[in-house]
Amino acid sequence: MKKDNEHFLIGEVAKKVGIHDQTIRMYERKNLLKPLRTANNTRIFTKNDLTRINAIITLTQEVGLNLSGVKMVFSLARKLKMNDDELLDFVYDHINEF
């Protein structure tokens, strides 16, 4: 079920990005992702969360980083003031160099 203002439930997100919802929960436990919560404590995801999840998938599956490496890349990107879209663009532009 789609929430208002482009918010998505975990099942929808999992289907959109092609991973299991437990994987998304693991990303949250590893502090790679912090979805919003409803009053009932249900996770709701924004388009920015979807971009972040796509960045995690790209860095793990296409670049070959583990989640600790992903956390380091996100930290570096934050220091360089890059948002997740810019980070993904950079990765795609340089993926053959990795």
PDB file of N, CA and C in Angstrom:
ATOM      1  N   MET A   1       0.834  -1.181   0.000  1.00  0.00           N
ATOM      2  CA  MET A   1       0.000   0.000   0.000  1.00  0.00           C
ATOM      3  C   MET A   1       0.877   1.241   0.000  1.00  0.00           C
ATOM      4  N   LYS A   2       0.642   2.149  -0.896  1.00  0.00           N
ATOM      5  CA  LYS A   2       1.414   3.377  -1.023  1.00  0.00           C
ATOM      6  C   LYS A   2       0.901   4.411  -0.029  1.00  0.00           C
ATOM      7  N   LYS A   3       1.834   5.042   0.655  1.00  0.00           N
ATOM      8  CA  LYS A   3       1.467   6.107   1.593  1.00  0.00           C
ATOM      9  C   LYS A   3       1.428   7.440   0.846  1.00  0.00           C
ATOM     10  N   ASP A   4       0.839   8.450   1.472  1.00  0.00           N
ATOM     11  CA  ASP A   4       0.782   9.756   0.845  1.00  0.00           C
ATOM     12  C   ASP A   4       2.177  10.378   0.724  1.00  0.00           C
ATOM     13  N   ASN A   5       2.318  11.355  -0.177  1.00  0.00           N
ATOM     14  CA  ASN A   5       3.571  12.075  -0.396  1.00  0.00           C
ATOM     15  C   ASN A   5       4.741  11.161  -0.714  1.00  0.00           C
ATOM     16  N   GLU A   6       4.478  10.159  -1.537  1.00  0.00           N
ATOM     17  CA  GLU A   6       5.546   9.273  -1.988  1.00  0.00           C
ATOM     18  C   GLU A   6       6.265   8.544  -0.856  1.00  0.00           C
ATOM     19  N   HIS A   7       5.510   8.025   0.051  1.00  0.00           N
ATOM     20  CA  HIS A   7       6.054   7.168   1.096  1.00  0.00           C
ATOM     21  C   HIS A   7       5.648   5.732   0.801  1.00  0.00           C
ATOM     22  N   PHE A   8       6.551   4.800   1.111  1.00  0.00           N
ATOM     23  CA  PHE A   8       6.335   3.404   0.775  1.00  0.00           C
ATOM     24  C   PHE A   8       6.543   2.526   1.999  1.00  0.00           C
ATOM     25  N   LEU A   9       5.797   1.438   2.043  1.00  0.00           N
ATOM     26  CA  LEU A   9       5.982   0.435   3.089  1.00  0.00           C
ATOM     27  C   LEU A   9       7.115  -0.509   2.698  1.00  0.00           C
ATOM     28  N   ILE A  10       7.642  -1.226   3.661  1.00  0.00           N
ATOM     29  CA  ILE A  10       8.824  -2.049   3.429  1.00  0.00           C
ATOM     30  C   ILE A  10       8.623  -3.106   2.340  1.00  0.00           C
ATOM     31  N   GLY A  11       7.456  -3.696   2.271  1.00  0.00           N
ATOM     32  CA  GLY A  11       7.185  -4.703   1.243  1.00  0.00           C
ATOM     33  C   GLY A  11       7.244  -4.115  -0.159  1.00  0.00           C
ATOM     34  N   GLU A  12       6.707  -2.901  -0.306  1.00  0.00           N
ATOM     35  CA  GLU A  12       6.761  -2.216  -1.598  1.00  0.00           C
ATOM     36  C   GLU A  12       8.201  -1.900  -1.986  1.00  0.00           C
ATOM     37  N   VAL A  13       8.977  -1.436  -1.019  1.00  0.00           N
ATOM     38  CA  VAL A  13      10.376  -1.091  -1.275  1.00  0.00           C
ATOM     39  C   VAL A  13      11.145  -2.333  -1.690  1.00  0.00           C
ATOM     40  N   ALA A  14      10.949  -3.422  -0.953  1.00  0.00           N
ATOM     41  CA  ALA A  14      11.645  -4.670  -1.269  1.00  0.00           C
ATOM     42  C   ALA A  14      11.333  -5.115  -2.691  1.00  0.00           C
ATOM     43  N   LYS A  15      10.078  -5.018  -3.075  1.00  0.00           N
ATOM     44  CA  LYS A  15       9.672  -5.415  -4.423  1.00  0.00           C
ATOM     45  C   LYS A  15      10.290  -4.487  -5.471  1.00  0.00           C
ATOM     46  N   LYS A  16      10.291  -3.181  -5.204  1.00  0.00           N
ATOM     47  CA  LYS A  16      10.832  -2.204  -6.157  1.00  0.00           C
ATOM     48  C   LYS A  16      12.314  -2.418  -6.420  1.00  0.00           C
ATOM     49  N   VAL A  17      13.081  -2.726  -5.363  1.00  0.00           N
ATOM     50  CA  VAL A  17      14.538  -2.829  -5.522  1.00  0.00           C
ATOM     51  C   VAL A  17      15.013  -4.264  -5.700  1.00  0.00           C
ATOM     52  N   GLY A  18      14.110  -5.226  -5.541  1.00  0.00           N
ATOM     53  CA  GLY A  18      14.446  -6.620  -5.805  1.00  0.00           C
ATOM     54  C   GLY A  18      15.253  -7.311  -4.730  1.00  0.00           C
ATOM     55  N   ILE A  19      15.022  -6.927  -3.482  1.00  0.00           N
ATOM     56  CA  ILE A  19      15.676  -7.610  -2.364  1.00  0.00           C
ATOM     57  C   ILE A  19      14.626  -7.972  -1.325  1.00  0.00           C
ATOM     58  N   HIS A  20      15.001  -8.798  -0.375  1.00  0.00           N
ATOM     59  CA  HIS A  20      14.083  -9.242   0.665  1.00  0.00           C
ATOM     60  C   HIS A  20      13.919  -8.146   1.712  1.00  0.00           C
ATOM     61  N   ASP A  21      12.742  -8.073   2.304  1.00  0.00           N
ATOM     62  CA  ASP A  21      12.514  -7.053   3.326  1.00  0.00           C
ATOM     63  C   ASP A  21      13.440  -7.229   4.538  1.00  0.00           C
ATOM     64  N   GLN A  22      13.862  -8.460   4.821  1.00  0.00           N
ATOM     65  CA  GLN A  22      14.810  -8.676   5.924  1.00  0.00           C
ATOM     66  C   GLN A  22      16.160  -8.024   5.623  1.00  0.00           C
ATOM     67  N   THR A  23      16.522  -7.958   4.363  1.00  0.00           N
ATOM     68  CA  THR A  23      17.767  -7.296   3.980  1.00  0.00           C
ATOM     69  C   THR A  23      17.675  -5.803   4.282  1.00  0.00           C
ATOM     70  N   ILE A  24      16.531  -5.221   4.020  1.00  0.00           N
ATOM     71  CA  ILE A  24      16.323  -3.804   4.319  1.00  0.00           C
ATOM     72  C   ILE A  24      16.396  -3.577   5.824  1.00  0.00           C
ATOM     73  N   ARG A  25      15.810  -4.477   6.591  1.00  0.00           N
ATOM     74  CA  ARG A  25      15.888  -4.360   8.053  1.00  0.00           C
ATOM     75  C   ARG A  25      17.340  -4.455   8.530  1.00  0.00           C
ATOM     76  N   MET A  26      18.127  -5.325   7.881  1.00  0.00           N
ATOM     77  CA  MET A  26      19.537  -5.446   8.246  1.00  0.00           C
ATOM     78  C   MET A  26      20.272  -4.140   7.957  1.00  0.00           C
ATOM     79  N   TYR A  27      19.989  -3.504   6.831  1.00  0.00           N
ATOM     80  CA  TYR A  27      20.603  -2.217   6.521  1.00  0.00           C
ATOM     81  C   TYR A  27      20.295  -1.206   7.623  1.00  0.00           C
ATOM     82  N   GLU A  28      19.075  -1.253   8.117  1.00  0.00           N
ATOM     83  CA  GLU A  28      18.698  -0.342   9.200  1.00  0.00           C
ATOM     84  C   GLU A  28      19.466  -0.678  10.476  1.00  0.00           C
ATOM     85  N   ARG A  29      19.573  -1.969  10.802  1.00  0.00           N
ATOM     86  CA  ARG A  29      20.332  -2.370  12.006  1.00  0.00           C
ATOM     87  C   ARG A  29      21.793  -1.952  11.924  1.00  0.00           C
ATOM     88  N   LYS A  30      22.345  -1.938  10.708  1.00  0.00           N
ATOM     89  CA  LYS A  30      23.750  -1.555  10.492  1.00  0.00           C
ATOM     90  C   LYS A  30      23.906  -0.033  10.384  1.00  0.00           C
ATOM     91  N   ASN A  31      22.823   0.690  10.636  1.00  0.00           N
ATOM     92  CA  ASN A  31      22.811   2.157  10.584  1.00  0.00           C
ATOM     93  C   ASN A  31      23.168   2.714   9.209  1.00  0.00           C
ATOM     94  N   LEU A  32      22.818   2.001   8.165  1.00  0.00           N
ATOM     95  CA  LEU A  32      23.005   2.483   6.805  1.00  0.00           C
ATOM     96  C   LEU A  32      21.761   3.194   6.298  1.00  0.00           C
ATOM     97  N   LEU A  33      20.687   3.059   7.046  1.00  0.00           N
ATOM     98  CA  LEU A  33      19.378   3.533   6.615  1.00  0.00           C
ATOM     99  C   LEU A  33      18.570   3.858   7.857  1.00  0.00           C
ATOM    100  N   LYS A  34      17.802   4.946   7.818  1.00  0.00           N
ATOM    101  CA  LYS A  34      16.945   5.295   8.942  1.00  0.00           C
ATOM    102  C   LYS A  34      15.584   5.738   8.415  1.00  0.00           C
ATOM    103  N   PRO A  35      14.701   4.758   8.163  1.00  0.00           N
ATOM    104  CA  PRO A  35      13.371   5.122   7.652  1.00  0.00           C
ATOM    105  C   PRO A  35      12.547   5.841   8.721  1.00  0.00           C
ATOM    106  N   LEU A  36      11.562   6.573   8.251  1.00  0.00           N
ATOM    107  CA  LEU A  36      10.614   7.204   9.153  1.00  0.00           C
ATOM    108  C   LEU A  36       9.774   6.125   9.821  1.00  0.00           C
ATOM    109  N   ARG A  37       9.143   6.463  10.922  1.00  0.00           N
ATOM    110  CA  ARG A  37       8.249   5.531  11.612  1.00  0.00           C
ATOM    111  C   ARG A  37       6.904   6.202  11.842  1.00  0.00           C
ATOM    112  N   THR A  38       5.850   5.416  11.700  1.00  0.00           N
ATOM    113  CA  THR A  38       4.510   5.914  12.005  1.00  0.00           C
ATOM    114  C   THR A  38       4.296   5.831  13.512  1.00  0.00           C
ATOM    115  N   ALA A  39       3.152   6.314  13.959  1.00  0.00           N
ATOM    116  CA  ALA A  39       2.805   6.228  15.382  1.00  0.00           C
ATOM    117  C   ALA A  39       2.741   4.769  15.836  1.00  0.00           C
ATOM    118  N   ASN A  40       2.428   3.865  14.903  1.00  0.00           N
ATOM    119  CA  ASN A  40       2.373   2.429  15.216  1.00  0.00           C
ATOM    120  C   ASN A  40       3.726   1.746  15.041  1.00  0.00           C
ATOM    121  N   ASN A  41       4.780   2.537  14.795  1.00  0.00           N
ATOM    122  CA  ASN A  41       6.142   2.048  14.627  1.00  0.00           C
ATOM    123  C   ASN A  41       6.364   1.306  13.308  1.00  0.00           C
ATOM    124  N   THR A  42       5.501   1.532  12.331  1.00  0.00           N
ATOM    125  CA  THR A  42       5.667   0.941  11.007  1.00  0.00           C
ATOM    126  C   THR A  42       6.681   1.760  10.228  1.00  0.00           C
ATOM    127  N   ARG A  43       7.614   1.073   9.578  1.00  0.00           N
ATOM    128  CA  ARG A  43       8.605   1.770   8.750  1.00  0.00           C
ATOM    129  C   ARG A  43       7.930   2.334   7.511  1.00  0.00           C
ATOM    130  N   ILE A  44       8.253   3.578   7.184  1.00  0.00           N
ATOM    131  CA  ILE A  44       7.835   4.156   5.921  1.00  0.00           C
ATOM    132  C   ILE A  44       9.071   4.774   5.266  1.00  0.00           C
ATOM    133  N   PHE A  45       9.169   4.554   3.978  1.00  0.00           N
ATOM    134  CA  PHE A  45      10.357   4.933   3.229  1.00  0.00           C
ATOM    135  C   PHE A  45      10.041   6.031   2.231  1.00  0.00           C
ATOM    136  N   THR A  46      10.987   6.936   2.064  1.00  0.00           N
ATOM    137  CA  THR A  46      10.858   8.031   1.110  1.00  0.00           C
ATOM    138  C   THR A  46      11.633   7.678  -0.162  1.00  0.00           C
ATOM    139  N   LYS A  47      11.513   8.541  -1.169  1.00  0.00           N
ATOM    140  CA  LYS A  47      12.300   8.349  -2.390  1.00  0.00           C
ATOM    141  C   LYS A  47      13.791   8.413  -2.067  1.00  0.00           C
ATOM    142  N   ASN A  48      14.176   9.249  -1.105  1.00  0.00           N
ATOM    143  CA  ASN A  48      15.586   9.321  -0.700  1.00  0.00           C
ATOM    144  C   ASN A  48      16.047   7.999  -0.112  1.00  0.00           C
ATOM    145  N   ASP A  49      15.176   7.344   0.648  1.00  0.00           N
ATOM    146  CA  ASP A  49      15.515   6.024   1.195  1.00  0.00           C
ATOM    147  C   ASP A  49      15.724   5.017   0.065  1.00  0.00           C
ATOM    148  N   LEU A  50      14.877   5.090  -0.967  1.00  0.00           N
ATOM    149  CA  LEU A  50      15.032   4.189  -2.118  1.00  0.00           C
ATOM    150  C   LEU A  50      16.374   4.429  -2.812  1.00  0.00           C
ATOM    151  N   THR A  51      16.761   5.681  -2.939  1.00  0.00           N
ATOM    152  CA  THR A  51      18.058   6.003  -3.532  1.00  0.00           C
ATOM    153  C   THR A  51      19.182   5.449  -2.676  1.00  0.00           C
ATOM    154  N   ARG A  52      19.058   5.582  -1.366  1.00  0.00           N
ATOM    155  CA  ARG A  52      20.081   5.064  -0.451  1.00  0.00           C
ATOM    156  C   ARG A  52      20.184   3.541  -0.585  1.00  0.00           C
ATOM    157  N   ILE A  53      19.048   2.853  -0.644  1.00  0.00           N
ATOM    158  CA  ILE A  53      19.058   1.397  -0.786  1.00  0.00           C
ATOM    159  C   ILE A  53      19.688   0.997  -2.121  1.00  0.00           C
ATOM    160  N   ASN A  54      19.367   1.727  -3.178  1.00  0.00           N
ATOM    161  CA  ASN A  54      19.985   1.437  -4.476  1.00  0.00           C
ATOM    162  C   ASN A  54      21.491   1.653  -4.431  1.00  0.00           C
ATOM    163  N   ALA A  55      21.942   2.657  -3.690  1.00  0.00           N
ATOM    164  CA  ALA A  55      23.378   2.880  -3.530  1.00  0.00           C
ATOM    165  C   ALA A  55      24.023   1.713  -2.788  1.00  0.00           C
ATOM    166  N   ILE A  56      23.376   1.226  -1.746  1.00  0.00           N
ATOM    167  CA  ILE A  56      23.899   0.083  -0.989  1.00  0.00           C
ATOM    168  C   ILE A  56      23.991  -1.139  -1.900  1.00  0.00           C
ATOM    169  N   ILE A  57      22.939  -1.394  -2.654  1.00  0.00           N
ATOM    170  CA  ILE A  57      22.925  -2.554  -3.563  1.00  0.00           C
ATOM    171  C   ILE A  57      24.036  -2.425  -4.600  1.00  0.00           C
ATOM    172  N   THR A  58      24.193  -1.244  -5.163  1.00  0.00           N
ATOM    173  CA  THR A  58      25.242  -1.028  -6.167  1.00  0.00           C
ATOM    174  C   THR A  58      26.626  -1.258  -5.565  1.00  0.00           C
ATOM    175  N   LEU A  59      26.861  -0.692  -4.392  1.00  0.00           N
ATOM    176  CA  LEU A  59      28.181  -0.819  -3.770  1.00  0.00           C
ATOM    177  C   LEU A  59      28.485  -2.255  -3.348  1.00  0.00           C
ATOM    178  N   THR A  60      27.465  -3.000  -2.947  1.00  0.00           N
ATOM    179  CA  THR A  60      27.718  -4.378  -2.527  1.00  0.00           C
ATOM    180  C   THR A  60      27.754  -5.339  -3.699  1.00  0.00           C
ATOM    181  N   GLN A  61      26.799  -5.240  -4.607  1.00  0.00           N
ATOM    182  CA  GLN A  61      26.684  -6.220  -5.676  1.00  0.00           C
ATOM    183  C   GLN A  61      27.543  -5.909  -6.892  1.00  0.00           C
ATOM    184  N   GLU A  62      27.692  -4.642  -7.238  1.00  0.00           N
ATOM    185  CA  GLU A  62      28.441  -4.299  -8.439  1.00  0.00           C
ATOM    186  C   GLU A  62      29.896  -3.934  -8.152  1.00  0.00           C
ATOM    187  N   VAL A  63      30.140  -3.303  -7.010  1.00  0.00           N
ATOM    188  CA  VAL A  63      31.510  -2.922  -6.655  1.00  0.00           C
ATOM    189  C   VAL A  63      32.167  -4.006  -5.811  1.00  0.00           C
ATOM    190  N   GLY A  64      31.364  -4.716  -5.022  1.00  0.00           N
ATOM    191  CA  GLY A  64      31.899  -5.813  -4.215  1.00  0.00           C
ATOM    192  C   GLY A  64      32.262  -5.448  -2.791  1.00  0.00           C
ATOM    193  N   LEU A  65      31.751  -4.319  -2.306  1.00  0.00           N
ATOM    194  CA  LEU A  65      32.035  -3.929  -0.926  1.00  0.00           C
ATOM    195  C   LEU A  65      31.162  -4.693   0.047  1.00  0.00           C
ATOM    196  N   ASN A  66      31.677  -4.893   1.253  1.00  0.00           N
ATOM    197  CA  ASN A  66      30.824  -5.413   2.317  1.00  0.00           C
ATOM    198  C   ASN A  66      30.144  -4.213   2.988  1.00  0.00           C
ATOM    199  N   LEU A  67      29.272  -4.469   3.950  1.00  0.00           N
ATOM    200  CA  LEU A  67      28.506  -3.374   4.543  1.00  0.00           C
ATOM    201  C   LEU A  67      29.377  -2.403   5.322  1.00  0.00           C
ATOM    202  N   SER A  68      30.480  -2.879   5.894  1.00  0.00           N
ATOM    203  CA  SER A  68      31.417  -1.959   6.558  1.00  0.00           C
ATOM    204  C   SER A  68      32.037  -1.011   5.541  1.00  0.00           C
ATOM    205  N   GLY A  69      32.369  -1.531   4.372  1.00  0.00           N
ATOM    206  CA  GLY A  69      32.903  -0.698   3.300  1.00  0.00           C
ATOM    207  C   GLY A  69      31.883   0.317   2.820  1.00  0.00           C
ATOM    208  N   VAL A  70      30.644  -0.111   2.726  1.00  0.00           N
ATOM    209  CA  VAL A  70      29.566   0.798   2.318  1.00  0.00           C
ATOM    210  C   VAL A  70      29.450   1.932   3.331  1.00  0.00           C
ATOM    211  N   LYS A  71      29.517   1.589   4.616  1.00  0.00           N
ATOM    212  CA  LYS A  71      29.422   2.601   5.672  1.00  0.00           C
ATOM    213  C   LYS A  71      30.558   3.618   5.523  1.00  0.00           C
ATOM    214  N   MET A  72      31.758   3.143   5.198  1.00  0.00           N
ATOM    215  CA  MET A  72      32.898   4.039   5.011  1.00  0.00           C
ATOM    216  C   MET A  72      32.690   4.943   3.798  1.00  0.00           C
ATOM    217  N   VAL A  73      32.175   4.395   2.710  1.00  0.00           N
ATOM    218  CA  VAL A  73      31.905   5.189   1.508  1.00  0.00           C
ATOM    219  C   VAL A  73      30.861   6.258   1.821  1.00  0.00           C
ATOM    220  N   PHE A  74      29.808   5.912   2.553  1.00  0.00           N
ATOM    221  CA  PHE A  74      28.785   6.890   2.916  1.00  0.00           C
ATOM    222  C   PHE A  74      29.379   7.990   3.796  1.00  0.00           C
ATOM    223  N   SER A  75      30.256   7.614   4.709  1.00  0.00           N
ATOM    224  CA  SER A  75      30.901   8.590   5.577  1.00  0.00           C
ATOM    225  C   SER A  75      31.759   9.551   4.764  1.00  0.00           C
ATOM    226  N   LEU A  76      32.533   9.017   3.834  1.00  0.00           N
ATOM    227  CA  LEU A  76      33.359   9.845   2.964  1.00  0.00           C
ATOM    228  C   LEU A  76      32.489  10.759   2.103  1.00  0.00           C
ATOM    229  N   ALA A  77      31.430  10.219   1.536  1.00  0.00           N
ATOM    230  CA  ALA A  77      30.521  11.019   0.704  1.00  0.00           C
ATOM    231  C   ALA A  77      29.917  12.157   1.518  1.00  0.00           C
ATOM    232  N   ARG A  78      29.560  11.879   2.765  1.00  0.00           N
ATOM    233  CA  ARG A  78      28.988  12.908   3.635  1.00  0.00           C
ATOM    234  C   ARG A  78      30.014  14.023   3.864  1.00  0.00           C
ATOM    235  N   LYS A  79      31.279  13.635   4.096  1.00  0.00           N
ATOM    236  CA  LYS A  79      32.339  14.630   4.308  1.00  0.00           C
ATOM    237  C   LYS A  79      32.584  15.459   3.051  1.00  0.00           C
ATOM    238  N   LEU A  80      32.383  14.855   1.898  1.00  0.00           N
ATOM    239  CA  LEU A  80      32.541  15.561   0.635  1.00  0.00           C
ATOM    240  C   LEU A  80      31.270  16.298   0.224  1.00  0.00           C
ATOM    241  N   LYS A  81      30.268  16.237   1.106  1.00  0.00           N
ATOM    242  CA  LYS A  81      28.967  16.886   0.884  1.00  0.00           C
ATOM    243  C   LYS A  81      28.262  16.374  -0.374  1.00  0.00           C
ATOM    244  N   MET A  82      28.375  15.070  -0.611  1.00  0.00           N
ATOM    245  CA  MET A  82      27.698  14.435  -1.735  1.00  0.00           C
ATOM    246  C   MET A  82      26.404  13.798  -1.238  1.00  0.00           C
ATOM    247  N   ASN A  83      25.319  14.000  -1.966  1.00  0.00           N
ATOM    248  CA  ASN A  83      24.103  13.275  -1.616  1.00  0.00           C
ATOM    249  C   ASN A  83      24.156  11.896  -2.274  1.00  0.00           C
ATOM    250  N   ASP A  84      23.181  11.071  -1.999  1.00  0.00           N
ATOM    251  CA  ASP A  84      23.197   9.698  -2.517  1.00  0.00           C
ATOM    252  C   ASP A  84      23.114   9.645  -4.043  1.00  0.00           C
ATOM    253  N   ASP A  85      22.383  10.575  -4.655  1.00  0.00           N
ATOM    254  CA  ASP A  85      22.319  10.619  -6.122  1.00  0.00           C
ATOM    255  C   ASP A  85      23.694  10.924  -6.714  1.00  0.00           C
ATOM    256  N   GLU A  86      24.395  11.882  -6.121  1.00  0.00           N
ATOM    257  CA  GLU A  86      25.735  12.229  -6.594  1.00  0.00           C
ATOM    258  C   GLU A  86      26.702  11.070  -6.386  1.00  0.00           C
ATOM    259  N   LEU A  87      26.563  10.386  -5.260  1.00  0.00           N
ATOM    260  CA  LEU A  87      27.407   9.228  -4.984  1.00  0.00           C
ATOM    261  C   LEU A  87      27.176   8.138  -6.031  1.00  0.00           C
ATOM    262  N   LEU A  88      25.915   7.857  -6.327  1.00  0.00           N
ATOM    263  CA  LEU A  88      25.608   6.839  -7.338  1.00  0.00           C
ATOM    264  C   LEU A  88      26.150   7.244  -8.708  1.00  0.00           C
ATOM    265  N   ASP A  89      25.999   8.509  -9.064  1.00  0.00           N
ATOM    266  CA  ASP A  89      26.552   8.982 -10.338  1.00  0.00           C
ATOM    267  C   ASP A  89      28.058   8.771 -10.377  1.00  0.00           C
ATOM    268  N   PHE A  90      28.738   9.099  -9.289  1.00  0.00           N
ATOM    269  CA  PHE A  90      30.186   8.914  -9.226  1.00  0.00           C
ATOM    270  C   PHE A  90      30.554   7.442  -9.384  1.00  0.00           C
ATOM    271  N   VAL A  91      29.853   6.574  -8.665  1.00  0.00           N
ATOM    272  CA  VAL A  91      30.140   5.140  -8.736  1.00  0.00           C
ATOM    273  C   VAL A  91      29.935   4.635 -10.160  1.00  0.00           C
ATOM    274  N   TYR A  92      28.808   4.996 -10.785  1.00  0.00           N
ATOM    275  CA  TYR A  92      28.550   4.530 -12.151  1.00  0.00           C
ATOM    276  C   TYR A  92      29.578   5.083 -13.140  1.00  0.00           C
ATOM    277  N   ASP A  93      30.025   6.309 -12.928  1.00  0.00           N
ATOM    278  CA  ASP A  93      31.023   6.904 -13.822  1.00  0.00           C
ATOM    279  C   ASP A  93      32.381   6.215 -13.695  1.00  0.00           C
ATOM    280  N   HIS A  94      32.669   5.625 -12.516  1.00  0.00           N
ATOM    281  CA  HIS A  94      33.993   5.059 -12.256  1.00  0.00           C
ATOM    282  C   HIS A  94      33.979   3.556 -11.966  1.00  0.00           C
ATOM    283  N   ILE A  95      32.864   2.903 -12.213  1.00  0.00           N
ATOM    284  CA  ILE A  95      32.723   1.497 -11.800  1.00  0.00           C
ATOM    285  C   ILE A  95      33.784   0.595 -12.436  1.00  0.00           C
ATOM    286  N   ASN A  96      34.216   0.884 -13.629  1.00  0.00           N
ATOM    287  CA  ASN A  96      35.226   0.040 -14.277  1.00  0.00           C
ATOM    288  C   ASN A  96      36.622   0.224 -13.687  1.00  0.00           C
ATOM    289  N   GLU A  97      36.790   1.246 -12.870  1.00  0.00           N
ATOM    290  CA  GLU A  97      38.071   1.504 -12.223  1.00  0.00           C
ATOM    291  C   GLU A  97      38.205   0.743 -10.911  1.00  0.00           C
ATOM    292  N   PHE A  98      37.116   0.226 -10.384  1.00  0.00           N
ATOM    293  CA  PHE A  98      37.155  -0.445  -9.081  1.00  0.00           C
ATOM    294  C   PHE A  98      37.697  -1.847  -9.217  1.00  0.00           C
TER     295      PHE A  98
END
